[in-house]
Amino acid sequence: MFLAPFLLLFVLFIALPTLTSLGLSFTYYNILEPPRFTGLSNYRALFADDDIFITALLNTLYFALITGPVGYGLAFFFAWMIHQVPTKFRAYYTTVFYIPSLTSGVAMAVVWLVIFSNDSYGYLNSLLMTFGFIMEPIQWLSDVKLIMPVIISISLWMSLGTGFLAFLAGFETINRELYDAGKVDGIRSRLQEMWYITIPSMKPQMLFGAVLAVVGSFKVGEISMAVAGFPSPLYAGHTIILHLQDYAVIRYEMGYAAAISVVLFVLIFGLGRLCFKVFSSKGE
C-alpha cells in the first residue's frame, strides 16, 4: 500500500515510456502514420550511416569524461572545504556555491557569451589583449577546437548542484567519535582522515553524487545550443541530446529518435551500474 503511489508513478512515467521508446526504436514512426516495423534498420543507420551521430557520441563522451569526474571531485572538495568553516558561515558559502546550478543553462550562457565573445569587447579577449598575451581576438565560439572546452568550462561552473548538497549532508552525518578513534589508531593527517574515515562513512552520498554526475554529464545540450548555436559550426558542440531533439522535435522521425534515446539510456544505465559497484557497501 505504501509503495503503491510511487510504483504507479514509476510505471506510468518511467517504465512505460522506456519500454515504448524501445519498441518504437524498431519502427519507422512519424506521428502522422501508424508505426511500421523496420527491425534493426534504425540502429544500423545510426552507427553505419549517420556520421553526425558518431560526432555527437564522441563529443558527449569527451564532455562526460571531463565534466563527470572533475565536477564530481569539485563538488566533494568544496563541500569538504565548507564543512571546515565555522557553522555560522556555512549557510552563506553553501548558497554562494549552489546558486549557479539553479540558473537555467540559457540564462547562464547569456552571461558567459559576454565573457567568451569573439570580438575585442569580450571580457576574456579584452583581458588577454590588455596584458599582451594575444594580438587579435580569439574566436572562442567559432573555432571548432575551442567550442567544446568553452561548454565544459560553463558546465563545470554550474556543476555544484544536488550532489554538492548531498556531500554537505553526508559530512554532517559522520560520527565524530570515529575521528577520535582514528587518532588513537595512528591517523595523523586530514588526508588520512578523509581516506580511511570520511569516504567510507559517506558511501551512500558518494553513490548518489556519482549517479547524478553521470546523468548530468550525458544530458548536456541546452548550454551547447545557447553558446554555439544549433547546429554548431561543423557540429563541434553537437551532443546526443541535441541529435535526439533534432530528429524528435524538428524532423518528427520518432522511430529514429527512439533509437537514439535507447543508446543514451544504455550508456547512462551502464555507467550507473558501474557507480553502484564502486560505491556500494560489501554485501549489498
Protein backbone atom coordinates (compact mmCIF):
# COMPACT_ATOMS: atom_id res chain seq x y z
CA MET A 1 0.00 0.00 0.00
CA PHE A 2 2.70 2.47 0.96
CA LEU A 3 4.69 1.72 -2.17
CA ALA A 4 1.68 1.88 -4.47
CA PRO A 5 1.77 5.67 -5.23
CA PHE A 6 5.45 5.58 -6.12
CA LEU A 7 5.04 2.32 -8.05
CA LEU A 8 2.17 3.79 -10.07
CA LEU A 9 4.11 6.94 -10.96
CA PHE A 10 7.21 4.90 -11.75
CA VAL A 11 5.30 2.63 -14.12
CA LEU A 12 3.43 5.49 -15.84
CA PHE A 13 6.27 7.98 -16.25
CA ILE A 14 9.44 5.84 -16.35
CA ALA A 15 8.83 2.17 -17.10
CA LEU A 16 6.16 2.56 -19.80
CA PRO A 17 7.90 5.42 -21.66
CA THR A 18 11.16 3.46 -21.62
CA LEU A 19 9.53 0.32 -22.98
CA THR A 20 7.60 2.39 -25.54
CA SER A 21 10.83 4.02 -26.74
CA LEU A 22 12.44 0.61 -27.02
CA GLY A 23 9.52 -0.65 -29.11
CA LEU A 24 9.42 2.44 -31.34
CA SER A 25 13.16 2.18 -31.97
CA PHE A 26 12.44 -0.84 -34.20
CA THR A 27 9.90 1.07 -36.30
CA TYR A 28 9.52 3.96 -38.70
CA TYR A 29 7.15 6.39 -36.98
CA ASN A 30 6.46 10.00 -37.99
CA ILE A 31 3.43 10.64 -35.69
CA LEU A 32 1.09 11.09 -38.68
CA GLU A 33 1.16 7.42 -39.67
CA PRO A 34 1.00 4.25 -37.58
CA PRO A 35 4.41 2.82 -36.62
CA ARG A 36 5.83 0.50 -39.26
CA PHE A 37 8.19 -2.25 -38.10
CA THR A 38 11.64 -1.94 -39.69
CA GLY A 39 13.74 -4.21 -37.48
CA LEU A 40 17.28 -3.04 -36.75
CA SER A 41 17.39 -0.53 -39.60
CA ASN A 42 17.38 2.46 -37.24
CA TYR A 43 20.35 1.14 -35.27
CA ARG A 44 22.15 0.16 -38.47
CA ALA A 45 21.69 3.64 -39.87
CA LEU A 46 22.68 5.18 -36.56
CA PHE A 47 26.10 3.54 -36.35
CA ALA A 48 26.86 2.87 -40.03
CA ASP A 49 25.41 5.82 -41.95
CA ASP A 50 24.90 8.69 -39.52
CA ASP A 51 28.27 10.46 -39.28
CA ILE A 52 26.71 13.30 -37.30
CA PHE A 53 25.55 10.87 -34.61
CA ILE A 54 29.09 9.48 -34.30
CA THR A 55 30.34 13.06 -33.91
CA ALA A 56 27.66 13.72 -31.29
CA LEU A 57 28.57 10.49 -29.47
CA LEU A 58 32.27 11.36 -29.39
CA ASN A 59 31.52 14.92 -28.25
CA THR A 60 29.26 13.63 -25.48
CA LEU A 61 31.84 11.08 -24.30
CA TYR A 62 34.55 13.76 -24.37
CA PHE A 63 32.32 16.08 -22.35
CA ALA A 64 31.31 13.34 -19.89
CA LEU A 65 34.85 12.07 -19.30
CA ILE A 66 35.89 15.56 -18.20
CA THR A 67 32.85 17.12 -16.52
CA GLY A 68 31.75 13.90 -14.80
CA PRO A 69 34.89 13.18 -12.72
CA VAL A 70 36.01 16.81 -12.45
CA GLY A 71 32.55 18.09 -11.48
CA TYR A 72 32.18 15.24 -9.00
CA GLY A 73 35.58 15.99 -7.48
CA LEU A 74 34.86 19.71 -7.26
CA ALA A 75 31.51 19.09 -5.54
CA PHE A 76 33.18 16.84 -2.96
CA PHE A 77 36.16 19.18 -2.46
CA PHE A 78 34.11 22.35 -1.95
CA ALA A 79 31.66 20.52 0.32
CA TRP A 80 34.61 19.36 2.41
CA MET A 81 36.07 22.89 2.47
CA ILE A 82 32.77 24.41 3.58
CA HIS A 83 32.46 21.76 6.27
CA GLN A 84 35.74 23.04 7.75
CA VAL A 85 34.50 26.61 8.29
CA PRO A 86 32.56 27.63 11.41
CA THR A 87 28.91 26.55 11.41
CA LYS A 88 27.52 30.11 11.34
CA PHE A 89 29.24 30.80 7.98
CA ARG A 90 28.35 27.55 6.23
CA ALA A 91 24.91 28.66 5.01
CA TYR A 92 26.46 31.68 3.28
CA TYR A 93 29.16 29.71 1.49
CA THR A 94 26.72 26.95 0.55
CA THR A 95 24.39 29.50 -1.04
CA VAL A 96 27.21 31.17 -2.98
CA PHE A 97 28.43 27.88 -4.48
CA TYR A 98 24.97 26.40 -5.07
CA ILE A 99 23.25 29.36 -6.77
CA PRO A 100 24.88 28.89 -10.25
CA SER A 101 23.33 25.41 -10.53
CA LEU A 102 19.85 26.90 -10.03
CA THR A 103 20.19 29.17 -13.05
CA SER A 104 18.98 27.78 -16.36
CA GLY A 105 21.60 26.88 -18.93
CA VAL A 106 20.30 29.51 -21.36
CA ALA A 107 20.41 32.31 -18.79
CA MET A 108 23.88 31.29 -17.66
CA ALA A 109 25.09 31.05 -21.25
CA VAL A 110 23.99 34.64 -21.91
CA VAL A 111 26.35 35.80 -19.16
CA TRP A 112 29.20 33.65 -20.44
CA LEU A 113 28.63 34.80 -24.02
CA VAL A 114 29.84 38.24 -22.94
CA ILE A 115 32.97 36.68 -21.42
CA PHE A 116 33.74 34.49 -24.45
CA SER A 117 32.65 36.97 -27.11
CA ASN A 118 34.64 36.59 -30.34
CA ASP A 119 35.48 40.29 -30.66
CA SER A 120 37.83 42.50 -28.68
CA TYR A 121 34.96 43.66 -26.45
CA GLY A 122 34.63 40.22 -24.93
CA TYR A 123 35.90 40.25 -21.36
CA LEU A 124 38.36 37.39 -21.82
CA ASN A 125 39.73 38.63 -25.14
CA SER A 126 39.98 42.17 -23.81
CA LEU A 127 41.87 40.99 -20.73
CA LEU A 128 44.30 38.85 -22.73
CA MET A 129 44.94 41.66 -25.23
CA THR A 130 45.45 44.23 -22.47
CA PHE A 131 48.23 42.15 -20.89
CA GLY A 132 49.77 41.31 -24.26
CA PHE A 133 49.05 37.57 -24.28
CA ILE A 134 47.33 37.78 -27.68
CA MET A 135 47.44 40.30 -30.52
CA GLU A 136 43.99 39.66 -32.00
CA PRO A 137 40.70 38.31 -30.58
CA ILE A 138 40.35 34.56 -30.20
CA GLN A 139 37.24 33.10 -31.86
CA TRP A 140 36.06 31.21 -28.79
CA LEU A 141 32.61 30.41 -30.13
CA SER A 142 33.54 29.86 -33.79
CA ASP A 143 36.75 27.82 -33.61
CA VAL A 144 35.77 24.14 -33.68
CA LYS A 145 38.68 23.30 -31.36
CA LEU A 146 37.51 25.73 -28.68
CA ILE A 147 33.73 25.31 -28.65
CA MET A 148 33.69 22.16 -26.50
CA PRO A 149 36.24 23.50 -23.95
CA VAL A 150 34.03 26.59 -23.56
CA ILE A 151 30.94 24.42 -23.00
CA ILE A 152 32.87 22.31 -20.48
CA SER A 153 34.00 25.43 -18.60
CA ILE A 154 30.45 26.74 -18.28
CA SER A 155 29.14 23.32 -17.24
CA LEU A 156 31.77 22.95 -14.53
CA TRP A 157 30.81 26.39 -13.19
CA MET A 158 27.25 25.09 -12.80
CA SER A 159 28.21 21.62 -11.54
CA LEU A 160 27.80 22.23 -7.79
CA GLY A 161 24.17 21.14 -7.61
CA THR A 162 22.26 18.47 -5.73
CA GLY A 163 25.30 16.20 -5.42
CA PHE A 164 27.15 19.05 -3.71
CA LEU A 165 24.33 19.38 -1.16
CA ALA A 166 24.32 15.61 -0.65
CA PHE A 167 28.02 15.71 0.20
CA LEU A 168 27.42 18.53 2.67
CA ALA A 169 24.69 16.49 4.33
CA GLY A 170 26.95 13.44 4.34
CA PHE A 171 29.68 15.27 6.24
CA GLU A 172 27.14 16.21 8.90
CA THR A 173 26.10 12.58 9.46
CA ILE A 174 29.59 11.23 10.19
CA ASN A 175 30.05 10.20 13.79
CA ARG A 176 32.74 12.50 15.23
CA GLU A 177 33.86 9.73 17.57
CA LEU A 178 35.29 7.90 14.55
CA TYR A 179 37.87 10.65 14.11
CA ASP A 180 38.90 10.39 17.78
CA ALA A 181 39.19 6.63 17.42
CA GLY A 182 41.23 7.12 14.24
CA LYS A 183 43.74 9.31 16.05
CA VAL A 184 44.17 6.59 18.63
CA ASP A 185 44.79 4.09 15.82
CA GLY A 186 47.50 6.22 14.22
CA ILE A 187 45.75 8.63 11.82
CA ARG A 188 47.69 11.89 11.86
CA SER A 189 46.65 13.97 8.83
CA ARG A 190 43.45 15.32 7.25
CA LEU A 191 44.20 13.30 4.13
CA GLN A 192 44.31 10.07 6.13
CA GLU A 193 41.06 11.02 7.88
CA MET A 194 39.37 11.57 4.53
CA TRP A 195 40.63 8.30 3.02
CA TYR A 196 40.08 5.97 5.97
CA ILE A 197 37.06 7.55 7.72
CA THR A 198 35.23 10.22 5.70
CA ILE A 199 34.88 8.47 2.34
CA PRO A 200 33.91 5.02 3.78
CA SER A 201 31.32 6.72 6.02
CA MET A 202 29.79 8.64 3.11
CA LYS A 203 29.30 5.83 0.59
CA PRO A 204 25.53 6.45 0.18
CA GLN A 205 26.12 10.14 -0.56
CA MET A 206 29.11 9.31 -2.78
CA LEU A 207 26.94 6.90 -4.78
CA PHE A 208 24.14 9.43 -5.08
CA GLY A 209 26.54 12.13 -6.26
CA ALA A 210 28.18 9.78 -8.76
CA VAL A 211 24.86 8.82 -10.35
CA LEU A 212 23.84 12.47 -10.61
CA ALA A 213 27.22 13.32 -12.18
CA VAL A 214 26.79 10.56 -14.78
CA VAL A 215 23.26 11.63 -15.70
CA GLY A 216 24.16 15.31 -15.78
CA SER A 217 27.23 14.81 -17.96
CA PHE A 218 25.29 12.87 -20.60
CA LYS A 219 22.29 15.17 -20.85
CA VAL A 220 24.24 18.25 -21.92
CA GLY A 221 22.61 20.13 -24.78
CA GLU A 222 20.98 23.32 -23.53
CA ILE A 223 24.27 25.11 -22.88
CA SER A 224 25.75 23.97 -26.20
CA MET A 225 22.73 25.27 -28.10
CA ALA A 226 22.80 28.63 -26.33
CA VAL A 227 26.55 29.13 -26.70
CA ALA A 228 27.42 27.61 -30.08
CA GLY A 229 24.03 27.64 -31.80
CA PHE A 230 22.11 24.77 -33.36
CA PRO A 231 23.76 23.28 -35.23
CA SER A 232 27.15 24.43 -34.02
CA PRO A 233 29.99 25.10 -36.52
CA LEU A 234 30.94 21.74 -38.07
CA TYR A 235 28.89 20.12 -35.26
CA ALA A 236 31.76 20.80 -32.85
CA GLY A 237 29.31 21.24 -29.95
CA HIS A 238 26.74 18.68 -31.11
CA THR A 239 25.72 16.16 -28.44
CA ILE A 240 23.46 13.11 -28.27
CA ILE A 241 20.68 15.14 -26.65
CA LEU A 242 20.78 17.71 -29.46
CA HIS A 243 20.78 14.93 -32.06
CA LEU A 244 17.76 13.43 -30.32
CA GLN A 245 15.95 16.78 -30.31
CA ASP A 246 16.78 17.27 -33.99
CA TYR A 247 15.01 14.07 -35.05
CA ALA A 248 12.21 14.15 -32.47
CA VAL A 249 11.23 17.82 -32.33
CA ILE A 250 12.25 19.14 -35.76
CA ARG A 251 12.03 16.18 -38.14
CA TYR A 252 9.38 14.14 -36.30
CA GLU A 253 11.22 10.89 -37.07
CA MET A 254 10.20 9.34 -33.78
CA GLY A 255 11.42 5.83 -34.54
CA TYR A 256 14.93 7.05 -35.23
CA ALA A 257 14.80 9.41 -32.23
CA ALA A 258 13.71 6.47 -30.05
CA ALA A 259 16.78 4.52 -31.19
CA ILE A 260 18.98 7.45 -30.16
CA SER A 261 17.27 7.57 -26.77
CA VAL A 262 17.83 3.84 -26.26
CA VAL A 263 21.55 4.23 -26.95
CA LEU A 264 21.70 7.11 -24.48
CA PHE A 265 19.78 5.04 -21.90
CA VAL A 266 22.22 2.14 -22.27
CA LEU A 267 25.20 4.45 -21.77
CA ILE A 268 23.75 6.08 -18.65
CA PHE A 269 22.47 2.80 -17.22
CA GLY A 270 25.81 1.05 -17.76
CA LEU A 271 27.81 3.80 -16.08
CA GLY A 272 25.22 3.97 -13.30
CA ARG A 273 25.71 0.26 -12.59
CA LEU A 274 29.46 0.84 -12.52
CA CYS A 275 28.93 3.54 -9.89
CA PHE A 276 26.88 1.11 -7.82
CA LYS A 277 29.70 -1.45 -7.95
CA VAL A 278 32.31 1.12 -6.93
CA PHE A 279 30.44 2.85 -4.09
CA SER A 280 28.04 0.21 -2.75
CA SER A 281 28.98 -1.42 0.54
CA LYS A 282 30.11 -5.01 0.66
CA GLY A 283 27.23 -7.42 0.65
CA GLU A 284 24.78 -5.00 -0.96
